[in-house]
């Protein structure tokens, strides 16, 4: 989704990331390992993560 860790941190701090349609502004957030998680960067980039 991001080309570097600093870009990812900047996007998170500027409220550009959503986890399961909830805004995330904490770069130290640990995502719970449910069955699946949908990450959204901005308005157009979506990523579905499936845990097995």
Protein backbone atom coordinates (compact mmCIF):
# COMPACT_ATOMS: atom_id res chain seq x y z
CA UNK A 1 0.00 0.00 0.00
CA UNK A 2 2.83 2.40 0.84
CA UNK A 3 6.30 2.67 -0.60
CA UNK A 4 8.01 3.30 2.76
CA UNK A 5 7.46 3.22 6.50
CA UNK A 6 7.66 7.00 6.72
CA UNK A 7 4.94 7.39 4.09
CA UNK A 8 2.74 4.92 5.98
CA UNK A 9 3.30 6.76 9.26
CA UNK A 10 2.49 10.12 7.62
CA UNK A 11 -0.74 8.78 6.09
CA UNK A 12 -1.85 7.31 9.43
CA UNK A 13 -1.09 10.53 11.35
CA UNK A 14 -3.08 12.57 8.79
CA UNK A 15 -6.18 10.30 9.16
CA UNK A 16 -5.75 8.82 5.68
CA UNK A 17 -6.12 5.19 6.79
CA UNK A 18 -9.27 3.31 7.77
CA UNK A 19 -9.40 -0.16 9.32
CA UNK A 20 -12.80 -1.79 8.79
CA UNK A 21 -14.30 1.64 7.95
CA UNK A 22 -13.01 3.22 11.20
CA UNK A 23 -10.44 6.01 10.99
CA UNK A 24 -7.04 5.14 12.42
CA UNK A 25 -4.63 7.84 13.63
CA UNK A 26 -2.35 5.77 15.88
CA UNK A 27 0.76 4.41 14.09
CA UNK A 28 1.30 1.91 16.95
CA UNK A 29 -2.14 0.29 16.56
CA UNK A 30 -2.14 -3.51 16.61
CA UNK A 31 -4.79 -4.87 14.25
CA UNK A 32 -6.74 -7.77 15.77
CA UNK A 33 -6.35 -11.06 13.90
CA UNK A 34 -9.99 -11.69 13.00
CA UNK A 35 -10.90 -13.65 9.90
CA UNK A 36 -10.45 -10.67 7.60
CA UNK A 37 -9.64 -6.96 7.76
CA UNK A 38 -10.28 -4.29 5.13
CA UNK A 39 -7.70 -1.50 4.97
CA UNK A 40 -8.49 1.71 3.07
CA UNK A 41 -5.87 4.28 2.09
CA UNK A 42 -7.47 7.55 1.05
CA UNK A 43 -10.62 7.19 -1.04
CA UNK A 44 -9.59 4.76 -3.75
CA UNK A 45 -7.06 2.20 -2.47
CA UNK A 46 -8.50 -0.84 -0.68
CA UNK A 47 -6.72 -3.94 0.62
CA UNK A 48 -8.44 -7.01 2.03
CA UNK A 49 -6.28 -9.04 4.45
CA UNK A 50 -7.42 -12.59 5.19
CA UNK A 51 -5.95 -14.37 8.22
CA UNK A 52 -5.76 -18.16 8.18
